[in-house]
Amino acid sequence: MKLTEGFKGREPEIVALFTAAFTASEGPGAGRLIGGLVRDLLARTPPEDIRVVGAEEDGALVGAAIFTRLTYPEDDRAVVLLSPLAVAPDRQGHGIGQALLAHALDALRAEAPEPAAGLARAEPQGGPVPALRGPSRCVPALQRPELW
């Protein structure tokens, strides 16, 4: 398995993966909803506010995780939101989702020392993360009531 970052030029493949995974697990309506969300996230989110980690096997995309910035105007810590993550239905149960998360967390820790401390504390072996100050705001594509 090869882990990659980025999505430019792969948007249709990524949308198809999420649509198929959510259709298989939750039904056609959920597949359309999440596929549309992913299309919006990839098209409308500023590059500095999105990170896509993919998993490939033999050149085919078999998993992907999308992280977007979650803004707290009253708090200077960097926060990211994982939503959504998908693994191809025929590849589930093989550790692909875990590998995507581990890779992304390692990359986030390497980029930002302060958020890295918060990420470490949020893990099961750590203690509680200090509360973030103020209201949060997610990227526009996630501000759709039908998603929540």
C-alpha atoms as a PDB file:
ATOM      1  CA  MET A   1       0.000   0.000   0.000  1.00  0.00           C
ATOM      2  CA  LYS A   2       1.254   3.470  -0.903  1.00  0.00           C
ATOM      3  CA  LEU A   3       0.098   6.550   1.037  1.00  0.00           C
ATOM      4  CA  THR A   4      -0.175   9.829  -0.867  1.00  0.00           C
ATOM      5  CA  GLU A   5      -1.135  13.423  -0.141  1.00  0.00           C
ATOM      6  CA  GLY A   6      -3.026  15.823  -2.367  1.00  0.00           C
ATOM      7  CA  PHE A   7      -5.944  15.521  -4.724  1.00  0.00           C
ATOM      8  CA  LYS A   8      -5.433  17.724  -7.787  1.00  0.00           C
ATOM      9  CA  GLY A   9      -6.311  15.765 -10.910  1.00  0.00           C
ATOM     10  CA  ARG A  10      -7.851  12.918  -8.887  1.00  0.00           C
ATOM     11  CA  GLU A  11     -11.119  14.569  -7.894  1.00  0.00           C
ATOM     12  CA  PRO A  12     -13.427  12.219  -9.866  1.00  0.00           C
ATOM     13  CA  GLU A  13     -11.659   9.140  -8.481  1.00  0.00           C
ATOM     14  CA  ILE A  14     -11.897  10.437  -4.909  1.00  0.00           C
ATOM     15  CA  VAL A  15     -15.592  11.330  -5.267  1.00  0.00           C
ATOM     16  CA  ALA A  16     -16.290   7.876  -6.740  1.00  0.00           C
ATOM     17  CA  LEU A  17     -14.510   6.163  -3.823  1.00  0.00           C
ATOM     18  CA  PHE A  18     -16.574   8.018  -1.207  1.00  0.00           C
ATOM     19  CA  THR A  19     -19.811   7.516  -3.132  1.00  0.00           C
ATOM     20  CA  ALA A  20     -19.201   3.766  -3.442  1.00  0.00           C
ATOM     21  CA  ALA A  21     -18.100   3.295   0.170  1.00  0.00           C
ATOM     22  CA  PHE A  22     -21.060   5.156   1.657  1.00  0.00           C
ATOM     23  CA  THR A  23     -23.529   3.571  -0.782  1.00  0.00           C
ATOM     24  CA  ALA A  24     -22.314   0.122   0.284  1.00  0.00           C
ATOM     25  CA  SER A  25     -22.492   0.881   4.010  1.00  0.00           C
ATOM     26  CA  GLU A  26     -25.409   3.316   4.322  1.00  0.00           C
ATOM     27  CA  GLY A  27     -27.377   3.108   1.075  1.00  0.00           C
ATOM     28  CA  PRO A  28     -27.694   5.118  -2.163  1.00  0.00           C
ATOM     29  CA  GLY A  29     -28.958   8.296  -0.471  1.00  0.00           C
ATOM     30  CA  ALA A  30     -25.945   8.461   1.828  1.00  0.00           C
ATOM     31  CA  GLY A  31     -23.642   7.673  -1.087  1.00  0.00           C
ATOM     32  CA  ARG A  32     -25.030  10.619  -3.069  1.00  0.00           C
ATOM     33  CA  LEU A  33     -24.912  12.925  -0.036  1.00  0.00           C
ATOM     34  CA  ILE A  34     -21.304  12.113   0.914  1.00  0.00           C
ATOM     35  CA  GLY A  35     -20.171  12.034  -2.717  1.00  0.00           C
ATOM     36  CA  GLY A  36     -21.624  15.538  -3.125  1.00  0.00           C
ATOM     37  CA  LEU A  37     -19.946  16.696   0.081  1.00  0.00           C
ATOM     38  CA  VAL A  38     -16.575  15.432  -1.120  1.00  0.00           C
ATOM     39  CA  ARG A  39     -17.075  17.106  -4.517  1.00  0.00           C
ATOM     40  CA  ASP A  40     -17.810  20.407  -2.697  1.00  0.00           C
ATOM     41  CA  LEU A  41     -14.881  20.022  -0.298  1.00  0.00           C
ATOM     42  CA  LEU A  42     -12.427  19.430  -3.141  1.00  0.00           C
ATOM     43  CA  ALA A  43     -13.809  22.240  -5.319  1.00  0.00           C
ATOM     44  CA  ARG A  44     -14.546  24.975  -2.783  1.00  0.00           C
ATOM     45  CA  THR A  45     -12.101  24.639   0.094  1.00  0.00           C
ATOM     46  CA  PRO A  46      -9.025  26.888  -0.038  1.00  0.00           C
ATOM     47  CA  PRO A  47      -5.823  24.828  -0.370  1.00  0.00           C
ATOM     48  CA  GLU A  48      -4.529  25.966   3.017  1.00  0.00           C
ATOM     49  CA  ASP A  49      -7.702  24.634   4.684  1.00  0.00           C
ATOM     50  CA  ILE A  50      -7.764  21.074   3.297  1.00  0.00           C
ATOM     51  CA  ARG A  51      -5.556  18.002   3.353  1.00  0.00           C
ATOM     52  CA  VAL A  52      -6.369  14.766   1.534  1.00  0.00           C
ATOM     53  CA  VAL A  53      -4.495  11.574   2.338  1.00  0.00           C
ATOM     54  CA  GLY A  54      -4.982   8.672  -0.040  1.00  0.00           C
ATOM     55  CA  ALA A  55      -4.121   4.986  -0.003  1.00  0.00           C
ATOM     56  CA  GLU A  56      -3.273   3.225  -3.255  1.00  0.00           C
ATOM     57  CA  GLU A  57      -2.818  -0.400  -4.160  1.00  0.00           C
ATOM     58  CA  ASP A  58      -1.534  -1.232  -7.626  1.00  0.00           C
ATOM     59  CA  GLY A  59      -2.223   2.367  -8.684  1.00  0.00           C
ATOM     60  CA  ALA A  60      -5.890   2.266  -7.643  1.00  0.00           C
ATOM     61  CA  LEU A  61      -7.284   4.480  -4.889  1.00  0.00           C
ATOM     62  CA  VAL A  62      -8.568   2.210  -2.102  1.00  0.00           C
ATOM     63  CA  GLY A  63      -8.959   4.722   0.724  1.00  0.00           C
ATOM     64  CA  ALA A  64      -8.937   8.419   1.487  1.00  0.00           C
ATOM     65  CA  ALA A  65      -9.265  10.741   4.454  1.00  0.00           C
ATOM     66  CA  ILE A  66     -10.149  14.410   4.201  1.00  0.00           C
ATOM     67  CA  PHE A  67      -9.073  16.858   6.877  1.00  0.00           C
ATOM     68  CA  THR A  68     -10.235  20.479   6.912  1.00  0.00           C
ATOM     69  CA  ARG A  69      -9.474  23.454   9.105  1.00  0.00           C
ATOM     70  CA  LEU A  70     -11.797  24.137  12.021  1.00  0.00           C
ATOM     71  CA  THR A  71     -11.478  27.781  13.037  1.00  0.00           C
ATOM     72  CA  TYR A  72     -11.788  29.125  16.559  1.00  0.00           C
ATOM     73  CA  PRO A  73     -11.472  32.932  16.219  1.00  0.00           C
ATOM     74  CA  GLU A  74     -10.815  33.327  19.953  1.00  0.00           C
ATOM     75  CA  ASP A  75      -8.133  30.602  20.095  1.00  0.00           C
ATOM     76  CA  ASP A  76      -4.818  30.600  18.229  1.00  0.00           C
ATOM     77  CA  ARG A  77      -4.341  26.821  18.236  1.00  0.00           C
ATOM     78  CA  ALA A  78      -4.619  25.021  14.896  1.00  0.00           C
ATOM     79  CA  VAL A  79      -7.489  22.540  14.738  1.00  0.00           C
ATOM     80  CA  VAL A  80      -8.394  20.123  11.949  1.00  0.00           C
ATOM     81  CA  LEU A  81     -11.563  18.122  11.439  1.00  0.00           C
ATOM     82  CA  LEU A  82     -11.540  14.635   9.942  1.00  0.00           C
ATOM     83  CA  SER A  83     -14.598  14.318   7.777  1.00  0.00           C
ATOM     84  CA  PRO A  84     -15.058  12.119   5.877  1.00  0.00           C
ATOM     85  CA  LEU A  85     -12.913   8.990   5.605  1.00  0.00           C
ATOM     86  CA  ALA A  86     -13.660   6.091   3.268  1.00  0.00           C
ATOM     87  CA  VAL A  87     -12.157   2.740   2.357  1.00  0.00           C
ATOM     88  CA  ALA A  88     -13.243   0.793  -0.723  1.00  0.00           C
ATOM     89  CA  PRO A  89     -15.858  -1.774   0.331  1.00  0.00           C
ATOM     90  CA  ASP A  90     -13.760  -4.735  -0.852  1.00  0.00           C
ATOM     91  CA  ARG A  91     -10.679  -3.474   1.049  1.00  0.00           C
ATOM     92  CA  GLN A  92     -12.231  -2.800   4.449  1.00  0.00           C
ATOM     93  CA  GLY A  93     -10.831  -4.643   7.451  1.00  0.00           C
ATOM     94  CA  HIS A  94      -7.250  -4.552   6.146  1.00  0.00           C
ATOM     95  CA  GLY A  95      -5.908  -1.622   8.208  1.00  0.00           C
ATOM     96  CA  ILE A  96      -6.183   0.954   5.435  1.00  0.00           C
ATOM     97  CA  GLY A  97      -8.213   3.424   7.516  1.00  0.00           C
ATOM     98  CA  GLN A  98      -5.780   3.093  10.421  1.00  0.00           C
ATOM     99  CA  ALA A  99      -2.821   3.687   8.097  1.00  0.00           C
ATOM    100  CA  LEU A 100      -4.478   6.813   6.660  1.00  0.00           C
ATOM    101  CA  LEU A 101      -5.065   8.234  10.132  1.00  0.00           C
ATOM    102  CA  ALA A 102      -1.579   7.407  11.402  1.00  0.00           C
ATOM    103  CA  HIS A 103       0.048   9.011   8.349  1.00  0.00           C
ATOM    104  CA  ALA A 104      -2.054  12.174   8.629  1.00  0.00           C
ATOM    105  CA  LEU A 105      -1.451  12.540  12.375  1.00  0.00           C
ATOM    106  CA  ASP A 106       2.304  12.136  11.898  1.00  0.00           C
ATOM    107  CA  ALA A 107       2.277  14.809   9.162  1.00  0.00           C
ATOM    108  CA  LEU A 108       0.234  17.206  11.301  1.00  0.00           C
ATOM    109  CA  ARG A 109       2.554  16.696  14.288  1.00  0.00           C
ATOM    110  CA  ALA A 110       5.607  17.390  12.126  1.00  0.00           C
ATOM    111  CA  GLU A 111       4.155  20.662  10.822  1.00  0.00           C
ATOM    112  CA  ALA A 112       2.961  22.325  14.010  1.00  0.00           C
ATOM    113  CA  PRO A 113       4.525  21.855  17.439  1.00  0.00           C
ATOM    114  CA  GLU A 114       1.626  23.391  19.427  1.00  0.00           C
ATOM    115  CA  PRO A 115      -1.178  21.372  17.768  1.00  0.00           C
ATOM    116  CA  ALA A 116       1.040  18.312  17.989  1.00  0.00           C
ATOM    117  CA  ALA A 117       0.980  18.561  21.766  1.00  0.00           C
ATOM    118  CA  GLY A 118      -2.818  18.737  21.654  1.00  0.00           C
ATOM    119  CA  LEU A 119      -2.986  15.798  19.284  1.00  0.00           C
ATOM    120  CA  ALA A 120      -0.815  13.709  21.563  1.00  0.00           C
ATOM    121  CA  ARG A 121      -2.997  14.528  24.575  1.00  0.00           C
ATOM    122  CA  ALA A 122      -6.125  13.614  22.635  1.00  0.00           C
ATOM    123  CA  GLU A 123      -4.909  10.069  22.089  1.00  0.00           C
ATOM    124  CA  PRO A 124      -6.115   7.284  24.425  1.00  0.00           C
ATOM    125  CA  GLN A 125      -2.863   7.134  26.401  1.00  0.00           C
ATOM    126  CA  GLY A 126      -2.901  10.931  26.986  1.00  0.00           C
ATOM    127  CA  GLY A 127      -4.921  13.173  29.245  1.00  0.00           C
ATOM    128  CA  PRO A 128      -7.669  15.637  28.375  1.00  0.00           C
ATOM    129  CA  VAL A 129      -7.139  18.365  25.793  1.00  0.00           C
ATOM    130  CA  PRO A 130      -7.619  21.890  27.184  1.00  0.00           C
ATOM    131  CA  ALA A 131     -10.934  23.368  26.014  1.00  0.00           C
ATOM    132  CA  LEU A 132     -10.817  25.560  22.935  1.00  0.00           C
ATOM    133  CA  ARG A 133     -12.021  29.136  23.414  1.00  0.00           C
ATOM    134  CA  GLY A 134     -14.984  30.581  21.541  1.00  0.00           C
ATOM    135  CA  PRO A 135     -17.325  29.300  18.847  1.00  0.00           C
ATOM    136  CA  SER A 136     -16.037  27.129  16.012  1.00  0.00           C
ATOM    137  CA  ARG A 137     -16.540  27.461  12.286  1.00  0.00           C
ATOM    138  CA  CYS A 138     -15.941  24.736   9.734  1.00  0.00           C
ATOM    139  CA  VAL A 139     -15.224  25.136   6.020  1.00  0.00           C
ATOM    140  CA  PRO A 140     -18.233  26.162   3.866  1.00  0.00           C
ATOM    141  CA  ALA A 141     -18.832  22.715   2.329  1.00  0.00           C
ATOM    142  CA  LEU A 142     -19.499  21.302   5.813  1.00  0.00           C
ATOM    143  CA  GLN A 143     -21.946  24.055   6.758  1.00  0.00           C
ATOM    144  CA  ARG A 144     -24.924  22.110   5.383  1.00  0.00           C
ATOM    145  CA  PRO A 145     -27.677  21.158   7.839  1.00  0.00           C
ATOM    146  CA  GLU A 146     -28.444  17.895   6.013  1.00  0.00           C
ATOM    147  CA  LEU A 147     -24.990  16.631   6.970  1.00  0.00           C
ATOM    148  CA  TRP A 148     -25.649  16.957  10.685  1.00  0.00           C
END
